Protein backbone atom coordinates (compact mmCIF):
# COMPACT_ATOMS: atom_id res chain seq x y z
CA UNK A 1 -0.03 0.08 -0.14
CA UNK A 2 1.16 3.38 -1.15
CA UNK A 3 1.91 6.26 1.49
CA UNK A 4 -0.82 8.24 -0.45
CA UNK A 5 -3.47 5.54 -0.46
CA UNK A 6 -2.80 4.95 3.56
CA UNK A 7 -3.45 8.54 4.07
CA UNK A 8 -6.47 8.58 2.17
CA UNK A 9 -9.00 7.05 4.60
CA UNK A 10 -7.53 9.11 7.24
CA UNK A 11 -8.16 12.24 5.27
CA UNK A 12 -11.56 11.38 4.63
CA UNK A 13 -12.25 10.64 8.60
CA UNK A 14 -11.01 14.33 9.16
CA UNK A 15 -13.45 15.65 6.45
CA UNK A 16 -16.43 13.91 7.56
CA UNK A 17 -15.20 15.17 11.18
CA UNK A 18 -14.76 18.60 9.94
CA UNK A 19 -17.95 19.03 8.30
CA UNK A 20 -20.18 16.86 10.63
CA UNK A 21 -21.48 20.15 12.45
CA UNK A 22 -21.55 23.86 11.86
CA UNK A 23 -18.97 25.14 14.31
CA UNK A 24 -16.33 23.01 13.49
CA UNK A 25 -15.29 24.52 9.56
CA UNK A 26 -16.51 27.98 10.58
CA UNK A 27 -14.85 28.43 14.02
CA UNK A 28 -11.40 26.81 12.35
CA UNK A 29 -12.15 29.28 9.44
CA UNK A 30 -12.79 32.29 11.70
CA UNK A 31 -9.89 31.88 13.75
CA UNK A 32 -7.38 32.29 11.25
CA UNK A 33 -9.03 34.69 9.15
CA UNK A 34 -9.20 36.97 12.41
CA UNK A 35 -5.49 36.86 12.74
CA UNK A 36 -4.34 37.13 9.03
CA UNK A 37 -6.96 39.81 7.94
CA UNK A 38 -6.10 42.22 10.54
CA UNK A 39 -2.43 41.90 10.01
CA UNK A 40 -3.26 42.56 6.02
CA UNK A 41 -4.91 45.73 7.10
CA UNK A 42 -2.65 46.82 9.43
CA UNK A 43 0.05 46.43 6.48
CA UNK A 44 -2.22 48.07 4.16
CA UNK A 45 -2.32 51.30 6.65
CA UNK A 46 1.37 50.94 7.19
CA UNK A 47 2.50 50.28 3.45
CA UNK A 48 -0.06 51.02 1.06
CA UNK A 49 -0.04 46.97 0.32
CA UNK A 50 -1.29 44.72 -0.71
CA UNK A 51 -3.60 46.00 -3.12
CA UNK A 52 -7.18 46.13 -2.59
CA UNK A 53 -7.72 46.97 -6.32
CA UNK A 54 -10.91 49.41 -6.94
CA UNK A 55 -12.26 48.67 -3.60
CA UNK A 56 -12.90 51.04 -0.87
CA UNK A 57 -9.96 50.26 1.77
CA UNK A 58 -12.58 51.37 4.81
CA UNK A 59 -15.22 49.13 3.10
CA UNK A 60 -12.98 46.17 2.86
CA UNK A 61 -11.95 46.05 6.14
CA UNK A 62 -15.47 46.76 7.70
CA UNK A 63 -17.19 44.17 5.47
CA UNK A 64 -14.50 41.65 6.05
CA UNK A 65 -14.58 42.08 9.92
CA UNK A 66 -18.61 41.71 9.85
CA UNK A 67 -19.35 39.59 6.76
CA UNK A 68 -16.20 37.57 6.96
CA UNK A 69 -15.48 36.99 10.40
CA UNK A 70 -18.53 37.75 12.34
CA UNK A 71 -20.84 35.96 9.56
CA UNK A 72 -18.51 32.54 10.07
CA UNK A 73 -19.31 32.86 13.97
CA UNK A 74 -22.76 33.41 13.67
CA UNK A 75 -23.21 30.26 11.18
CA UNK A 76 -21.15 28.02 13.58
CA UNK A 77 -22.88 28.93 16.63
CA UNK A 78 -26.08 28.85 15.14
CA UNK A 79 -26.09 25.79 13.43
CA UNK A 80 -24.77 24.18 16.47
CA UNK A 81 -27.03 26.10 18.94
CA UNK A 82 -30.26 25.19 16.53
CA UNK A 83 -29.75 21.45 17.17
CA UNK A 84 -29.66 21.98 20.79
CA UNK A 85 -32.74 23.63 20.78
CA UNK A 86 -34.61 21.34 18.70
CA UNK A 87 -33.00 17.93 18.77
CA UNK A 88 -33.10 17.90 14.81
CA UNK A 89 -29.87 17.81 12.82
CA UNK A 90 -29.14 21.15 11.08
CA UNK A 91 -26.81 20.42 8.02
CA UNK A 92 -25.85 17.37 6.22
CA UNK A 93 -21.99 17.39 5.51
CA UNK A 94 -22.89 18.20 1.76
CA UNK A 95 -25.04 21.54 2.92
CA UNK A 96 -22.93 22.57 5.44
CA UNK A 97 -20.10 22.07 2.63
CA UNK A 98 -21.79 24.45 0.17
CA UNK A 99 -22.37 26.99 2.75
CA UNK A 100 -18.93 27.04 3.71
CA UNK A 101 -17.78 26.83 -0.13
CA UNK A 102 -19.59 29.92 -0.66
CA UNK A 103 -18.24 31.95 2.41
CA UNK A 104 -14.62 30.76 1.38
CA UNK A 105 -14.94 32.17 -2.38
CA UNK A 106 -16.14 35.43 -1.18
CA UNK A 107 -13.34 35.59 1.21
CA UNK A 108 -10.75 34.73 -1.68
CA UNK A 109 -12.52 37.44 -4.06
CA UNK A 110 -11.93 40.11 -1.27
CA UNK A 111 -8.52 38.95 -0.60
CA UNK A 112 -7.48 39.02 -4.47
CA UNK A 113 -9.71 41.60 -5.92
CA UNK A 114 -7.42 41.87 -9.18
CA UNK A 115 -7.41 38.17 -9.78
CA UNK A 116 -11.25 37.15 -8.96
CA UNK A 117 -14.10 39.39 -10.76
CA UNK A 118 -15.97 41.38 -8.46
CA UNK A 119 -19.34 39.91 -9.94
CA UNK A 120 -18.42 36.33 -9.06
CA UNK A 121 -17.32 37.57 -5.51
CA UNK A 122 -20.54 39.24 -5.13
CA UNK A 123 -22.58 36.41 -5.85
CA UNK A 124 -21.03 34.21 -3.67
CA UNK A 125 -21.09 36.51 -0.53
CA UNK A 126 -24.88 37.83 -1.30
CA UNK A 127 -25.63 33.83 -1.30
CA UNK A 128 -24.19 33.23 2.37
CA UNK A 129 -26.81 34.74 4.54
CA UNK A 130 -30.12 33.76 2.65
CA UNK A 131 -28.64 30.05 2.76
CA UNK A 132 -27.96 30.13 6.53
CA UNK A 133 -31.34 31.73 6.97
CA UNK A 134 -33.15 29.14 4.72
CA UNK A 135 -31.17 26.44 6.82
CA UNK A 136 -32.23 27.82 10.05
CA UNK A 137 -35.74 28.43 9.02
CA UNK A 138 -36.24 24.56 8.01
CA UNK A 139 -35.18 23.30 11.29
CA UNK A 140 -37.12 26.02 13.65
CA UNK A 141 -40.31 25.25 11.18
CA UNK A 142 -40.06 21.36 11.58
CA UNK A 143 -39.83 21.42 15.58
CA UNK A 144 -41.89 24.80 15.57
CA UNK A 145 -39.60 26.41 17.67
CA UNK A 146 -41.22 29.64 17.89
CA UNK A 147 -39.26 31.40 20.39
CA UNK A 148 -36.04 31.43 17.75
CA UNK A 149 -38.40 32.31 14.60
CA UNK A 150 -37.26 36.03 14.86
CA UNK A 151 -33.56 34.84 13.99
CA UNK A 152 -34.62 34.09 10.18
CA UNK A 153 -35.63 37.94 9.40
CA UNK A 154 -32.74 38.89 11.66
CA UNK A 155 -30.10 36.83 9.47
CA UNK A 156 -32.04 38.15 6.31
CA UNK A 157 -31.49 41.58 7.57
CA UNK A 158 -27.75 40.96 7.33
CA UNK A 159 -28.24 39.77 3.74
CA UNK A 160 -29.83 43.36 2.88
CA UNK A 161 -27.14 45.35 4.52
CA UNK A 162 -24.59 42.87 2.37
CA UNK A 163 -26.31 43.79 -0.79
CA UNK A 164 -26.07 47.69 -0.13
CA UNK A 165 -22.53 47.59 0.29
CA UNK A 166 -21.94 45.48 -2.83
CA UNK A 167 -24.24 48.17 -4.76
CA UNK A 168 -21.45 50.80 -3.59
CA UNK A 169 -18.61 48.62 -4.46
CA UNK A 170 -20.13 48.33 -7.64
CA UNK A 171 -20.63 51.65 -8.31
CA UNK A 172 -24.45 51.67 -8.48
CA UNK A 173 -25.33 53.31 -5.31
CA UNK A 174 -21.93 55.26 -4.49
CA UNK A 175 -21.80 56.46 -0.82
CA UNK A 176 -24.22 53.60 0.55
CA UNK A 177 -21.65 51.45 1.46
CA UNK A 178 -20.39 53.32 5.00
CA UNK A 179 -23.82 53.83 6.39
CA UNK A 180 -24.86 50.37 5.70
CA UNK A 181 -21.65 48.96 7.31
CA UNK A 182 -22.14 51.34 10.53
CA UNK A 183 -26.00 49.60 10.41
CA UNK A 184 -24.81 46.22 10.31
CA UNK A 185 -22.26 46.78 13.27
CA UNK A 186 -25.34 48.00 15.16
CA UNK A 187 -27.39 44.85 13.88
CA UNK A 188 -24.15 42.56 15.35
CA UNK A 189 -24.52 44.42 18.41
CA UNK A 190 -28.02 43.64 18.95
CA UNK A 191 -27.30 39.99 17.97
CA UNK A 192 -24.80 40.24 20.91
CA UNK A 193 -27.13 41.61 23.44
CA UNK A 194 -29.71 39.05 22.47
CA UNK A 195 -27.60 35.96 22.38
CA UNK A 196 -25.38 37.39 25.12
CA UNK A 197 -28.69 37.87 27.76
CA UNK A 198 -29.07 34.20 26.78
CA UNK A 199 -25.87 32.61 27.46
CA UNK A 200 -24.04 34.73 29.90
CA UNK A 201 -26.04 34.68 33.14
CA UNK A 202 -26.78 31.07 32.22
CA UNK A 203 -23.10 29.91 32.21
CA UNK A 204 -22.51 32.07 34.93
CA UNK A 205 -25.32 30.55 36.83
CA UNK A 206 -24.36 27.01 36.12
CA UNK A 207 -20.55 27.41 36.79
CA UNK A 208 -21.21 29.62 40.01
CA UNK A 209 -24.61 29.04 41.38
CA UNK A 210 -23.89 30.95 44.60
CA UNK A 211 -23.25 34.07 42.86
CA UNK A 212 -26.35 35.38 42.68
CA UNK A 213 -26.88 36.28 39.11
CA UNK A 214 -29.95 38.16 38.67
CA UNK A 215 -32.39 38.58 35.72
CA UNK A 216 -35.19 40.77 35.63
CA UNK A 217 -37.19 40.25 32.36
CA UNK A 218 -38.33 43.84 32.23
CA UNK A 219 -34.69 45.09 32.15
CA UNK A 220 -34.29 42.43 29.43
CA UNK A 221 -36.89 43.46 27.33
CA UNK A 222 -36.03 47.19 27.77
CA UNK A 223 -32.21 46.91 26.94
CA UNK A 224 -33.00 44.50 23.69
CA UNK A 225 -35.79 47.15 22.51
CA UNK A 226 -33.72 50.14 23.04
CA UNK A 227 -30.74 48.39 21.27
CA UNK A 228 -32.80 47.55 18.37
CA UNK A 229 -34.27 51.11 17.95
CA UNK A 230 -30.84 52.39 17.39
CA UNK A 231 -31.11 50.74 13.91
CA UNK A 232 -34.02 52.72 12.91
CA UNK A 233 -32.75 55.68 14.60
CA UNK A 234 -29.35 55.61 12.65
CA UNK A 235 -31.40 54.88 9.41
CA UNK A 236 -33.69 58.28 9.69
CA UNK A 237 -31.40 60.45 11.58
CA UNK A 238 -27.74 59.57 10.78
CA UNK A 239 -24.92 60.85 12.92
CA UNK A 240 -27.38 63.72 14.52
CA UNK A 241 -27.42 64.79 17.81
CA UNK A 242 -30.61 63.52 18.06
CA UNK A 243 -29.60 59.94 18.23
CA UNK A 244 -27.50 60.46 21.46
CA UNK A 245 -30.53 60.00 23.79
CA UNK A 246 -30.92 56.73 22.46
CA UNK A 247 -27.33 55.63 22.55
CA UNK A 248 -26.89 56.69 25.86
CA UNK A 249 -29.99 54.99 26.96
CA UNK A 250 -28.85 51.99 25.37
CA UNK A 251 -25.26 52.40 27.05
CA UNK A 252 -27.33 52.66 30.64
CA UNK A 253 -29.32 49.73 30.32
CA UNK A 254 -26.66 47.51 29.19
CA UNK A 255 -24.33 48.47 32.10
CA UNK A 256 -27.03 47.98 34.62
CA UNK A 257 -27.93 44.59 33.11
CA UNK A 258 -24.22 43.28 33.17
CA UNK A 259 -23.96 44.55 36.84
CA UNK A 260 -27.13 42.41 37.47
CA UNK A 261 -24.82 39.49 36.22
CA UNK A 262 -22.04 40.20 38.97
CA UNK A 263 -19.14 40.17 36.87
CA UNK A 264 -16.53 40.56 39.66
CA UNK A 265 -17.26 37.16 40.88
CA UNK A 266 -16.17 35.41 37.83
CA UNK A 267 -12.59 36.81 37.99
CA UNK A 268 -11.44 32.95 38.84
CA UNK A 269 -13.11 31.80 35.79
CA UNK A 270 -11.64 32.70 32.30
CA UNK A 271 -14.54 31.06 30.35
CA UNK A 272 -16.82 33.38 32.26
CA UNK A 273 -14.91 36.60 32.74
CA UNK A 274 -13.88 37.06 29.16
CA UNK A 275 -17.80 36.92 28.28
CA UNK A 276 -18.61 39.58 31.01
CA UNK A 277 -15.63 41.71 30.06
CA UNK A 278 -16.64 42.07 26.60
CA UNK A 279 -20.33 42.49 26.86
CA UNK A 280 -18.92 45.51 29.20
CA UNK A 281 -17.58 47.06 26.23
CA UNK A 282 -21.12 47.25 24.72
CA UNK A 283 -22.23 50.38 27.02
CA UNK A 284 -18.77 51.72 26.57
CA UNK A 285 -19.16 51.76 22.43
CA UNK A 286 -22.51 53.27 22.97
CA UNK A 287 -21.68 55.96 25.48
CA UNK A 288 -18.48 57.05 23.35
CA UNK A 289 -20.94 57.54 20.23
CA UNK A 290 -23.40 59.41 22.32
CA UNK A 291 -21.14 62.00 23.86
CA UNK A 292 -19.57 62.37 20.16
CA UNK A 293 -22.77 63.64 18.94
CA UNK A 294 -23.03 65.69 21.87
CA UNK A 295 -19.78 67.23 20.81
CA UNK A 296 -17.15 65.55 23.14
CA UNK A 297 -13.68 65.24 21.42
CA UNK A 298 -14.05 61.60 20.56
CA UNK A 299 -14.27 60.27 17.14
CA UNK A 300 -17.17 58.10 15.93
CA UNK A 301 -14.86 55.35 14.95
CA UNK A 302 -13.74 54.86 18.29
CA UNK A 303 -17.06 53.94 19.38
CA UNK A 304 -17.18 51.49 16.53
CA UNK A 305 -14.25 50.05 17.63
CA UNK A 306 -15.33 49.65 21.08
CA UNK A 307 -18.18 47.57 19.62
CA UNK A 308 -16.42 45.39 17.28
CA UNK A 309 -12.76 45.17 19.07
CA UNK A 310 -14.00 44.63 22.45
CA UNK A 311 -17.50 43.43 22.36
CA UNK A 312 -17.73 41.24 19.25
CA UNK A 313 -13.87 40.31 19.27
CA UNK A 314 -14.04 39.15 22.94
CA UNK A 315 -17.36 37.66 23.05
CA UNK A 316 -16.73 35.69 19.63
CA UNK A 317 -12.94 34.50 20.97
CA UNK A 318 -14.84 33.49 24.55
CA UNK A 319 -17.61 31.92 22.72
CA UNK A 320 -16.02 29.96 20.10
CA UNK A 321 -13.54 28.61 22.91
CA UNK A 322 -16.17 27.42 24.89
CA UNK A 323 -18.29 25.76 22.02
CA UNK A 324 -14.89 24.19 21.02
CA UNK A 325 -14.14 22.75 24.29
CA UNK A 326 -17.55 21.43 25.33
CA UNK A 327 -18.65 20.08 21.99
CA UNK A 328 -15.52 18.03 21.19
CA UNK A 329 -15.85 16.48 24.76
CA UNK A 330 -13.20 18.48 26.48
CA UNK A 331 -13.47 19.84 30.03
CA UNK A 332 -15.00 23.51 30.05
CA UNK A 333 -11.64 24.75 31.57
CA UNK A 334 -9.59 27.05 29.54
CA UNK A 335 -6.29 26.13 28.57
CA UNK A 336 -3.49 28.59 29.58
CA UNK A 337 -3.03 29.66 25.84
CA UNK A 338 -6.75 30.68 25.91
CA UNK A 339 -6.35 32.53 28.76
CA UNK A 340 -3.35 34.44 27.09
CA UNK A 341 -5.70 35.02 24.11
CA UNK A 342 -8.46 36.34 26.10
CA UNK A 343 -5.91 38.86 28.02
CA UNK A 344 -4.83 40.00 24.61
CA UNK A 345 -8.06 40.59 23.21
CA UNK A 346 -8.96 42.69 26.07
CA UNK A 347 -5.71 44.75 25.64
CA UNK A 348 -6.50 45.32 21.85
CA UNK A 349 -9.94 46.63 22.94
CA UNK A 350 -8.25 48.81 25.36
CA UNK A 351 -5.38 50.15 23.08
CA UNK A 352 -7.82 51.06 20.31
CA UNK A 353 -10.07 52.84 22.75
CA UNK A 354 -7.18 54.75 24.29
CA UNK A 355 -6.73 56.48 20.95
CA UNK A 356 -9.83 58.57 22.23
CA UNK A 357 -7.17 60.34 24.37
CA UNK A 358 -4.24 59.77 21.87
CA UNK A 359 -5.67 60.50 18.36
CA UNK A 360 -2.44 60.91 16.63
CA UNK A 361 -0.64 57.60 18.22
CA UNK A 362 -0.52 55.69 15.62
CA UNK A 363 1.49 52.84 17.37
CA UNK A 364 -1.67 52.29 19.17
CA UNK A 365 -3.24 51.29 15.94
CA UNK A 366 -0.41 49.07 15.12
CA UNK A 367 -0.33 47.54 18.87
CA UNK A 368 -4.18 47.13 18.45
CA UNK A 369 -3.80 44.90 15.13
CA UNK A 370 -0.82 42.87 16.64
CA UNK A 371 -2.33 42.22 19.99
CA UNK A 372 -5.96 41.23 17.82
CA UNK A 373 -3.91 38.94 15.65
CA UNK A 374 -1.74 37.39 18.49
CA UNK A 375 -5.20 36.24 20.41
CA UNK A 376 -6.86 34.94 17.49
CA UNK A 377 -3.77 33.28 16.20
CA UNK A 378 -3.38 31.47 19.70
CA UNK A 379 -6.99 30.13 19.54
CA UNK A 380 -6.24 29.01 15.83
CA UNK A 381 -3.33 27.14 16.47
CA UNK A 382 -4.91 25.33 20.01
CA UNK A 383 -8.01 24.94 18.31
CA UNK A 384 -7.09 23.26 14.52
CA UNK A 385 -6.27 19.76 16.14
CA UNK A 386 -9.41 20.17 18.35
CA UNK A 387 -11.66 20.78 15.71
CA UNK A 388 -10.53 18.31 13.25
CA UNK A 389 -10.29 15.22 15.86
CA UNK A 390 -13.36 13.46 16.54
CA UNK A 391 -15.16 14.00 19.68
CA UNK A 392 -13.81 12.56 22.90
CA UNK A 393 -15.95 9.90 24.55
């Protein structure tokens, strides 16, 4: 038997394992993409290379962070979670492979815009969220899982905003891309508020039952609705001071909600404190944007990056680590390398927000990118063999 023949069954087993459930391929790809794409962005900022072709640099960066990184994690998380909610299988290896392939093709198109036609990139990229929504809708409908029906229109809202960005990239509606990107940031944040409100107190209560976590349904609904209201508010008002009260109200409600979960009691459990610390960046981001609109010398971008680097980056890293450990049969204890990754992502967020005080300190921007990339590289290096191996029994 030749070496190639001997290794083929092992390779096929690895592929079957990889595409057996949603979190495996998407978390694996998300970890490496998060590490590499930000390094590419920092290189572009410092040297003007690599070439982004005719793509708007800010649109390229923002789009890939939400429709590349966040989209992969959303898909991996929801396709895995819906199986727990319904008891039904959400994908087959073939359907998961098709969804993953559309995501990969779109990422390659944005990475090599001079080599891959933009129309082909757009077809793949715009297909992703409708395909994911269809998969989720099929399982939720079969199980009559009405509590999660709203996830389907939420996923389709991502598709609509992505279409707006592509219309700008193709020159059909110039200028629409940046507002659509900001709306997408708020939509991602809404999803973090919605899912965070479910899982963070739940995980905390299970691990630390004596902590005294508090949950008030009225507060949860008020927080969710006010955060949701930011989307039509921004769509109608744009960056107008009239939007500030809504942003400040969302900041206050999210902070009160977080304090009710008693985050200070989780500091000895890395898989918990990363979720609490990351959620904290949501009220910080809304606060920074609110005071910007009221005339404070804080850039709008600082608030955006508090939400994206701090809240999205930290919660993505924390949830990917937890799901990868738990669903592969490993103890829910963060290995040392993952704990270091958590510390690095928190420092990355702090460095980026520190530019509110030192706006011309370009080294802080470089430091943010390096810390972010190092955090996700550590996760990717640890999780790659975990995600490719069968579940431990």
